[in-house]
Amino acid sequence: MGSARLKKKMKKKLRKEMSQVSTNEIMAGLDVGSKDIVRLKVTTRKGARIESVPLKKLKKLASKTRLYWKFEDGWLTLIGVS
């Protein structure tokens, strides 16, 4: 019983320490250029699909340590920050 209580207490502590921050707030403080952004066009015809994928650029961004996604106006944007 002691370990279950300890786990619950640790989870509660973690929740207090974590704070939610929106992608827009994060991006406001960063200097991001076009080389750090990939935009994918999402269309809906018999379900959603992505029109085109710039594969070379996507592979480069995949190596970044922090990745953020944003969806607006039919565009799915991946932002990579090292």
PDB file of N, CA and C in Angstrom:
ATOM      1  N   MET A   1       0.808  -1.197   0.000  1.00  0.00           N
ATOM      2  CA  MET A   1       0.000   0.000   0.000  1.00  0.00           C
ATOM      3  C   MET A   1       0.854   1.265   0.000  1.00  0.00           C
ATOM      4  N   GLY A   2       1.994   1.206   0.629  1.00  0.00           N
ATOM      5  CA  GLY A   2       2.869   2.363   0.735  1.00  0.00           C
ATOM      6  C   GLY A   2       3.362   2.844  -0.622  1.00  0.00           C
ATOM      7  N   SER A   3       3.681   1.896  -1.532  1.00  0.00           N
ATOM      8  CA  SER A   3       4.203   2.289  -2.836  1.00  0.00           C
ATOM      9  C   SER A   3       3.121   2.956  -3.692  1.00  0.00           C
ATOM     10  N   ALA A   4       1.894   2.506  -3.581  1.00  0.00           N
ATOM     11  CA  ALA A   4       0.794   3.122  -4.334  1.00  0.00           C
ATOM     12  C   ALA A   4       0.581   4.562  -3.880  1.00  0.00           C
ATOM     13  N   ARG A   5       0.666   4.789  -2.598  1.00  0.00           N
ATOM     14  CA  ARG A   5       0.505   6.122  -2.047  1.00  0.00           C
ATOM     15  C   ARG A   5       1.645   7.032  -2.514  1.00  0.00           C
ATOM     16  N   LEU A   6       2.866   6.475  -2.540  1.00  0.00           N
ATOM     17  CA  LEU A   6       4.036   7.225  -2.984  1.00  0.00           C
ATOM     18  C   LEU A   6       3.909   7.606  -4.461  1.00  0.00           C
ATOM     19  N   LYS A   7       3.457   6.658  -5.296  1.00  0.00           N
ATOM     20  CA  LYS A   7       3.266   6.942  -6.725  1.00  0.00           C
ATOM     21  C   LYS A   7       2.250   8.061  -6.927  1.00  0.00           C
ATOM     22  N   LYS A   8       1.159   7.997  -6.182  1.00  0.00           N
ATOM     23  CA  LYS A   8       0.114   9.013  -6.294  1.00  0.00           C
ATOM     24  C   LYS A   8       0.656  10.383  -5.894  1.00  0.00           C
ATOM     25  N   LYS A   9       1.464  10.415  -4.834  1.00  0.00           N
ATOM     26  CA  LYS A   9       2.035  11.665  -4.356  1.00  0.00           C
ATOM     27  C   LYS A   9       3.006  12.245  -5.390  1.00  0.00           C
ATOM     28  N   MET A  10       3.808  11.379  -6.027  1.00  0.00           N
ATOM     29  CA  MET A  10       4.761  11.835  -7.039  1.00  0.00           C
ATOM     30  C   MET A  10       4.047  12.372  -8.278  1.00  0.00           C
ATOM     31  N   LYS A  11       2.960  11.709  -8.692  1.00  0.00           N
ATOM     32  CA  LYS A  11       2.189  12.185  -9.837  1.00  0.00           C
ATOM     33  C   LYS A  11       1.616  13.571  -9.562  1.00  0.00           C
ATOM     34  N   LYS A  12       1.113  13.749  -8.353  1.00  0.00           N
ATOM     35  CA  LYS A  12       0.546  15.031  -7.962  1.00  0.00           C
ATOM     36  C   LYS A  12       1.610  16.121  -8.015  1.00  0.00           C
ATOM     37  N   LYS A  13       2.813  15.800  -7.542  1.00  0.00           N
ATOM     38  CA  LYS A  13       3.915  16.755  -7.548  1.00  0.00           C
ATOM     39  C   LYS A  13       4.312  17.111  -8.981  1.00  0.00           C
ATOM     40  N   LEU A  14       4.366  16.116  -9.864  1.00  0.00           N
ATOM     41  CA  LEU A  14       4.708  16.357 -11.269  1.00  0.00           C
ATOM     42  C   LEU A  14       3.693  17.283 -11.933  1.00  0.00           C
ATOM     43  N   ARG A  15       2.415  17.063 -11.665  1.00  0.00           N
ATOM     44  CA  ARG A  15       1.373  17.915 -12.248  1.00  0.00           C
ATOM     45  C   ARG A  15       1.544  19.364 -11.819  1.00  0.00           C
ATOM     46  N   LYS A  16       1.942  19.574 -10.568  1.00  0.00           N
ATOM     47  CA  LYS A  16       2.134  20.932 -10.070  1.00  0.00           C
ATOM     48  C   LYS A  16       3.315  21.598 -10.765  1.00  0.00           C
ATOM     49  N   GLU A  17       4.382  20.826 -11.035  1.00  0.00           N
ATOM     50  CA  GLU A  17       5.584  21.384 -11.638  1.00  0.00           C
ATOM     51  C   GLU A  17       5.411  21.682 -13.123  1.00  0.00           C
ATOM     52  N   MET A  18       4.576  20.894 -13.809  1.00  0.00           N
ATOM     53  CA  MET A  18       4.372  21.090 -15.241  1.00  0.00           C
ATOM     54  C   MET A  18       3.433  22.266 -15.482  1.00  0.00           C
ATOM     55  N   SER A  19       3.770  23.064 -16.456  1.00  0.00           N
ATOM     56  CA  SER A  19       2.870  24.136 -16.827  1.00  0.00           C
ATOM     57  C   SER A  19       2.633  24.068 -18.321  1.00  0.00           C
ATOM     58  N   GLN A  20       1.420  24.328 -18.746  1.00  0.00           N
ATOM     59  CA  GLN A  20       1.079  24.264 -20.155  1.00  0.00           C
ATOM     60  C   GLN A  20       1.418  25.579 -20.828  1.00  0.00           C
ATOM     61  N   VAL A  21       2.089  25.468 -21.962  1.00  0.00           N
ATOM     62  CA  VAL A  21       2.466  26.635 -22.737  1.00  0.00           C
ATOM     63  C   VAL A  21       2.041  26.376 -24.167  1.00  0.00           C
ATOM     64  N   SER A  22       1.412  27.349 -24.793  1.00  0.00           N
ATOM     65  CA  SER A  22       0.968  27.158 -26.171  1.00  0.00           C
ATOM     66  C   SER A  22       2.142  27.283 -27.131  1.00  0.00           C
ATOM     67  N   THR A  23       1.990  26.691 -28.312  1.00  0.00           N
ATOM     68  CA  THR A  23       3.027  26.762 -29.336  1.00  0.00           C
ATOM     69  C   THR A  23       3.289  28.200 -29.738  1.00  0.00           C
ATOM     70  N   ASN A  24       2.249  29.009 -29.793  1.00  0.00           N
ATOM     71  CA  ASN A  24       2.422  30.414 -30.171  1.00  0.00           C
ATOM     72  C   ASN A  24       3.324  31.145 -29.179  1.00  0.00           C
ATOM     73  N   GLU A  25       3.173  30.857 -27.883  1.00  0.00           N
ATOM     74  CA  GLU A  25       4.015  31.489 -26.872  1.00  0.00           C
ATOM     75  C   GLU A  25       5.472  31.066 -27.038  1.00  0.00           C
ATOM     76  N   ILE A  26       5.688  29.796 -27.327  1.00  0.00           N
ATOM     77  CA  ILE A  26       7.044  29.289 -27.525  1.00  0.00           C
ATOM     78  C   ILE A  26       7.668  29.933 -28.747  1.00  0.00           C
ATOM     79  N   MET A  27       6.912  29.988 -29.841  1.00  0.00           N
ATOM     80  CA  MET A  27       7.432  30.506 -31.093  1.00  0.00           C
ATOM     81  C   MET A  27       7.715  32.007 -31.023  1.00  0.00           C
ATOM     82  N   ALA A  28       7.007  32.714 -30.170  1.00  0.00           N
ATOM     83  CA  ALA A  28       7.221  34.156 -30.044  1.00  0.00           C
ATOM     84  C   ALA A  28       8.622  34.467 -29.523  1.00  0.00           C
ATOM     85  N   GLY A  29       9.176  33.586 -28.727  1.00  0.00           N
ATOM     86  CA  GLY A  29      10.489  33.830 -28.142  1.00  0.00           C
ATOM     87  C   GLY A  29      11.643  33.252 -28.937  1.00  0.00           C
ATOM     88  N   LEU A  30      11.363  32.632 -30.091  1.00  0.00           N
ATOM     89  CA  LEU A  30      12.418  31.996 -30.876  1.00  0.00           C
ATOM     90  C   LEU A  30      12.654  32.720 -32.188  1.00  0.00           C
ATOM     91  N   ASP A  31      13.857  32.581 -32.685  1.00  0.00           N
ATOM     92  CA  ASP A  31      14.198  33.113 -33.999  1.00  0.00           C
ATOM     93  C   ASP A  31      14.156  31.944 -34.980  1.00  0.00           C
ATOM     94  N   VAL A  32      13.045  31.795 -35.691  1.00  0.00           N
ATOM     95  CA  VAL A  32      12.837  30.654 -36.574  1.00  0.00           C
ATOM     96  C   VAL A  32      12.828  31.137 -38.015  1.00  0.00           C
ATOM     97  N   GLY A  33      13.661  30.504 -38.832  1.00  0.00           N
ATOM     98  CA  GLY A  33      13.714  30.848 -40.254  1.00  0.00           C
ATOM     99  C   GLY A  33      12.958  29.836 -41.089  1.00  0.00           C
ATOM    100  N   SER A  34      12.882  30.077 -42.388  1.00  0.00           N
ATOM    101  CA  SER A  34      12.132  29.186 -43.277  1.00  0.00           C
ATOM    102  C   SER A  34      12.751  27.793 -43.357  1.00  0.00           C
ATOM    103  N   LYS A  35      14.049  27.677 -43.065  1.00  0.00           N
ATOM    104  CA  LYS A  35      14.685  26.357 -43.093  1.00  0.00           C
ATOM    105  C   LYS A  35      14.227  25.483 -41.925  1.00  0.00           C
ATOM    106  N   ASP A  36      13.625  26.083 -40.915  1.00  0.00           N
ATOM    107  CA  ASP A  36      13.162  25.340 -39.745  1.00  0.00           C
ATOM    108  C   ASP A  36      11.668  25.024 -39.787  1.00  0.00           C
ATOM    109  N   ILE A  37      11.018  25.313 -40.919  1.00  0.00           N
ATOM    110  CA  ILE A  37       9.565  25.137 -41.008  1.00  0.00           C
ATOM    111  C   ILE A  37       9.205  24.312 -42.234  1.00  0.00           C
ATOM    112  N   VAL A  38       8.282  23.356 -42.053  1.00  0.00           N
ATOM    113  CA  VAL A  38       7.709  22.601 -43.167  1.00  0.00           C
ATOM    114  C   VAL A  38       6.210  22.773 -43.089  1.00  0.00           C
ATOM    115  N   ARG A  39       5.598  23.176 -44.193  1.00  0.00           N
ATOM    116  CA  ARG A  39       4.138  23.317 -44.245  1.00  0.00           C
ATOM    117  C   ARG A  39       3.568  22.230 -45.143  1.00  0.00           C
ATOM    118  N   LEU A  40       2.566  21.533 -44.629  1.00  0.00           N
ATOM    119  CA  LEU A  40       1.916  20.459 -45.361  1.00  0.00           C
ATOM    120  C   LEU A  40       0.458  20.834 -45.581  1.00  0.00           C
ATOM    121  N   LYS A  41      -0.016  20.743 -46.809  1.00  0.00           N
ATOM    122  CA  LYS A  41      -1.403  21.090 -47.116  1.00  0.00           C
ATOM    123  C   LYS A  41      -2.282  19.880 -46.827  1.00  0.00           C
ATOM    124  N   VAL A  42      -3.272  20.066 -45.972  1.00  0.00           N
ATOM    125  CA  VAL A  42      -4.197  18.998 -45.606  1.00  0.00           C
ATOM    126  C   VAL A  42      -5.520  19.256 -46.311  1.00  0.00           C
ATOM    127  N   THR A  43      -5.993  18.277 -47.082  1.00  0.00           N
ATOM    128  CA  THR A  43      -7.280  18.409 -47.763  1.00  0.00           C
ATOM    129  C   THR A  43      -8.228  17.341 -47.249  1.00  0.00           C
ATOM    130  N   THR A  44      -9.505  17.613 -47.377  1.00  0.00           N
ATOM    131  CA  THR A  44     -10.504  16.647 -46.941  1.00  0.00           C
ATOM    132  C   THR A  44     -11.379  16.272 -48.125  1.00  0.00           C
ATOM    133  N   ARG A  45     -11.142  15.093 -48.616  1.00  0.00           N
ATOM    134  CA  ARG A  45     -11.961  14.500 -49.667  1.00  0.00           C
ATOM    135  C   ARG A  45     -11.930  13.009 -49.402  1.00  0.00           C
ATOM    136  N   LYS A  46     -13.045  12.491 -48.944  1.00  0.00           N
ATOM    137  CA  LYS A  46     -13.116  11.093 -48.489  1.00  0.00           C
ATOM    138  C   LYS A  46     -12.104  10.866 -47.367  1.00  0.00           C
ATOM    139  N   GLY A  47     -12.118  11.742 -46.401  1.00  0.00           N
ATOM    140  CA  GLY A  47     -11.170  11.691 -45.298  1.00  0.00           C
ATOM    141  C   GLY A  47     -10.098  12.737 -45.502  1.00  0.00           C
ATOM    142  N   ALA A  48      -9.271  12.920 -44.531  1.00  0.00           N
ATOM    143  CA  ALA A  48      -8.209  13.924 -44.637  1.00  0.00           C
ATOM    144  C   ALA A  48      -6.955  13.286 -45.221  1.00  0.00           C
ATOM    145  N   ARG A  49      -6.247  14.055 -46.020  1.00  0.00           N
ATOM    146  CA  ARG A  49      -4.973  13.575 -46.557  1.00  0.00           C
ATOM    147  C   ARG A  49      -4.021  14.747 -46.748  1.00  0.00           C
ATOM    148  N   ILE A  50      -2.757  14.439 -46.788  1.00  0.00           N
ATOM    149  CA  ILE A  50      -1.738  15.469 -46.978  1.00  0.00           C
ATOM    150  C   ILE A  50      -1.365  15.483 -48.453  1.00  0.00           C
ATOM    151  N   GLU A  51      -1.434  16.654 -49.070  1.00  0.00           N
ATOM    152  CA  GLU A  51      -1.199  16.800 -50.500  1.00  0.00           C
ATOM    153  C   GLU A  51       0.245  16.536 -50.907  1.00  0.00           C
ATOM    154  N   SER A  52       1.174  17.192 -50.266  1.00  0.00           N
ATOM    155  CA  SER A  52       2.568  17.032 -50.673  1.00  0.00           C
ATOM    156  C   SER A  52       3.461  17.042 -49.448  1.00  0.00           C
ATOM    157  N   VAL A  53       4.553  16.301 -49.542  1.00  0.00           N
ATOM    158  CA  VAL A  53       5.495  16.230 -48.440  1.00  0.00           C
ATOM    159  C   VAL A  53       6.893  16.539 -48.974  1.00  0.00           C
ATOM    160  N   PRO A  54       7.488  17.647 -48.549  1.00  0.00           N
ATOM    161  CA  PRO A  54       8.868  17.946 -48.933  1.00  0.00           C
ATOM    162  C   PRO A  54       9.819  17.052 -48.128  1.00  0.00           C
ATOM    163  N   LEU A  55      10.079  15.856 -48.651  1.00  0.00           N
ATOM    164  CA  LEU A  55      10.752  14.804 -47.902  1.00  0.00           C
ATOM    165  C   LEU A  55      12.146  15.194 -47.394  1.00  0.00           C
ATOM    166  N   LYS A  56      12.974  15.812 -48.226  1.00  0.00           N
ATOM    167  CA  LYS A  56      14.332  16.176 -47.782  1.00  0.00           C
ATOM    168  C   LYS A  56      14.280  17.133 -46.593  1.00  0.00           C
ATOM    169  N   LYS A  57      13.412  18.133 -46.694  1.00  0.00           N
ATOM    170  CA  LYS A  57      13.297  19.117 -45.614  1.00  0.00           C
ATOM    171  C   LYS A  57      12.721  18.469 -44.349  1.00  0.00           C
ATOM    172  N   LEU A  58      11.771  17.560 -44.548  1.00  0.00           N
ATOM    173  CA  LEU A  58      11.160  16.861 -43.418  1.00  0.00           C
ATOM    174  C   LEU A  58      12.196  16.006 -42.689  1.00  0.00           C
ATOM    175  N   LYS A  59      13.082  15.356 -43.431  1.00  0.00           N
ATOM    176  CA  LYS A  59      14.134  14.544 -42.818  1.00  0.00           C
ATOM    177  C   LYS A  59      15.089  15.416 -42.005  1.00  0.00           C
ATOM    178  N   LYS A  60      15.427  16.590 -42.532  1.00  0.00           N
ATOM    179  CA  LYS A  60      16.316  17.496 -41.799  1.00  0.00           C
ATOM    180  C   LYS A  60      15.671  17.945 -40.489  1.00  0.00           C
ATOM    181  N   LEU A  61      14.380  18.282 -40.554  1.00  0.00           N
ATOM    182  CA  LEU A  61      13.693  18.730 -39.338  1.00  0.00           C
ATOM    183  C   LEU A  61      13.549  17.618 -38.310  1.00  0.00           C
ATOM    184  N   ALA A  62      13.467  16.378 -38.778  1.00  0.00           N
ATOM    185  CA  ALA A  62      13.304  15.248 -37.855  1.00  0.00           C
ATOM    186  C   ALA A  62      14.499  15.107 -36.927  1.00  0.00           C
ATOM    187  N   SER A  63      15.650  15.642 -37.329  1.00  0.00           N
ATOM    188  CA  SER A  63      16.838  15.545 -36.477  1.00  0.00           C
ATOM    189  C   SER A  63      16.878  16.625 -35.397  1.00  0.00           C
ATOM    190  N   LYS A  64      15.960  17.581 -35.456  1.00  0.00           N
ATOM    191  CA  LYS A  64      15.912  18.658 -34.456  1.00  0.00           C
ATOM    192  C   LYS A  64      15.469  18.086 -33.109  1.00  0.00           C
ATOM    193  N   THR A  65      15.899  18.738 -32.037  1.00  0.00           N
ATOM    194  CA  THR A  65      15.586  18.223 -30.703  1.00  0.00           C
ATOM    195  C   THR A  65      14.177  18.580 -30.236  1.00  0.00           C
ATOM    196  N   ARG A  66      13.686  19.737 -30.655  1.00  0.00           N
ATOM    197  CA  ARG A  66      12.331  20.145 -30.238  1.00  0.00           C
ATOM    198  C   ARG A  66      11.485  20.395 -31.481  1.00  0.00           C
ATOM    199  N   LEU A  67      10.328  19.729 -31.545  1.00  0.00           N
ATOM    200  CA  LEU A  67       9.421  19.876 -32.679  1.00  0.00           C
ATOM    201  C   LEU A  67       8.062  20.344 -32.188  1.00  0.00           C
ATOM    202  N   TYR A  68       7.479  21.270 -32.915  1.00  0.00           N
ATOM    203  CA  TYR A  68       6.159  21.793 -32.568  1.00  0.00           C
ATOM    204  C   TYR A  68       5.265  21.720 -33.795  1.00  0.00           C
ATOM    205  N   TRP A  69       4.008  21.312 -33.589  1.00  0.00           N
ATOM    206  CA  TRP A  69       3.021  21.241 -34.672  1.00  0.00           C
ATOM    207  C   TRP A  69       1.991  22.331 -34.476  1.00  0.00           C
ATOM    208  N   LYS A  70       1.529  22.877 -35.588  1.00  0.00           N
ATOM    209  CA  LYS A  70       0.471  23.885 -35.542  1.00  0.00           C
ATOM    210  C   LYS A  70      -0.423  23.655 -36.753  1.00  0.00           C
ATOM    211  N   PHE A  71      -1.752  23.716 -36.574  1.00  0.00           N
ATOM    212  CA  PHE A  71      -2.682  23.536 -37.678  1.00  0.00           C
ATOM    213  C   PHE A  71      -3.569  24.761 -37.789  1.00  0.00           C
ATOM    214  N   GLU A  72      -3.508  25.437 -38.939  1.00  0.00           N
ATOM    215  CA  GLU A  72      -4.391  26.576 -39.164  1.00  0.00           C
ATOM    216  C   GLU A  72      -4.634  26.761 -40.658  1.00  0.00           C
ATOM    217  N   ASP A  73      -5.866  27.077 -40.996  1.00  0.00           N
ATOM    218  CA  ASP A  73      -6.285  27.342 -42.371  1.00  0.00           C
ATOM    219  C   ASP A  73      -5.929  26.217 -43.329  1.00  0.00           C
ATOM    220  N   GLY A  74      -6.060  24.971 -42.892  1.00  0.00           N
ATOM    221  CA  GLY A  74      -5.793  23.835 -43.774  1.00  0.00           C
ATOM    222  C   GLY A  74      -4.323  23.490 -43.931  1.00  0.00           C
ATOM    223  N   TRP A  75      -3.452  24.180 -43.220  1.00  0.00           N
ATOM    224  CA  TRP A  75      -2.017  23.908 -43.282  1.00  0.00           C
ATOM    225  C   TRP A  75      -1.533  23.328 -41.972  1.00  0.00           C
ATOM    226  N   LEU A  76      -0.855  22.208 -42.040  1.00  0.00           N
ATOM    227  CA  LEU A  76      -0.220  21.601 -40.879  1.00  0.00           C
ATOM    228  C   LEU A  76       1.235  22.024 -40.916  1.00  0.00           C
ATOM    229  N   THR A  77       1.674  22.755 -39.914  1.00  0.00           N
ATOM    230  CA  THR A  77       3.013  23.319 -39.901  1.00  0.00           C
ATOM    231  C   THR A  77       3.857  22.619 -38.843  1.00  0.00           C
ATOM    232  N   LEU A  78       5.029  22.148 -39.260  1.00  0.00           N
ATOM    233  CA  LEU A  78       5.984  21.551 -38.342  1.00  0.00           C
ATOM    234  C   LEU A  78       7.136  22.521 -38.180  1.00  0.00           C
ATOM    235  N   ILE A  79       7.427  22.879 -36.939  1.00  0.00           N
ATOM    236  CA  ILE A  79       8.505  23.806 -36.640  1.00  0.00           C
ATOM    237  C   ILE A  79       9.544  23.058 -35.819  1.00  0.00           C
ATOM    238  N   GLY A  80      10.778  23.064 -36.272  1.00  0.00           N
ATOM    239  CA  GLY A  80      11.859  22.358 -35.577  1.00  0.00           C
ATOM    240  C   GLY A  80      12.884  23.340 -35.040  1.00  0.00           C
ATOM    241  N   VAL A  81      13.244  23.163 -33.791  1.00  0.00           N
ATOM    242  CA  VAL A  81      14.219  24.041 -33.147  1.00  0.00           C
ATOM    243  C   VAL A  81      15.299  23.161 -32.538  1.00  0.00           C
ATOM    244  N   SER A  82      16.573  23.511 -32.767  1.00  0.00           N
ATOM    245  CA  SER A  82      17.642  22.702 -32.182  1.00  0.00           C
ATOM    246  C   SER A  82      17.997  23.169 -30.796  1.00  0.00           C
TER     247      SER A  82
END
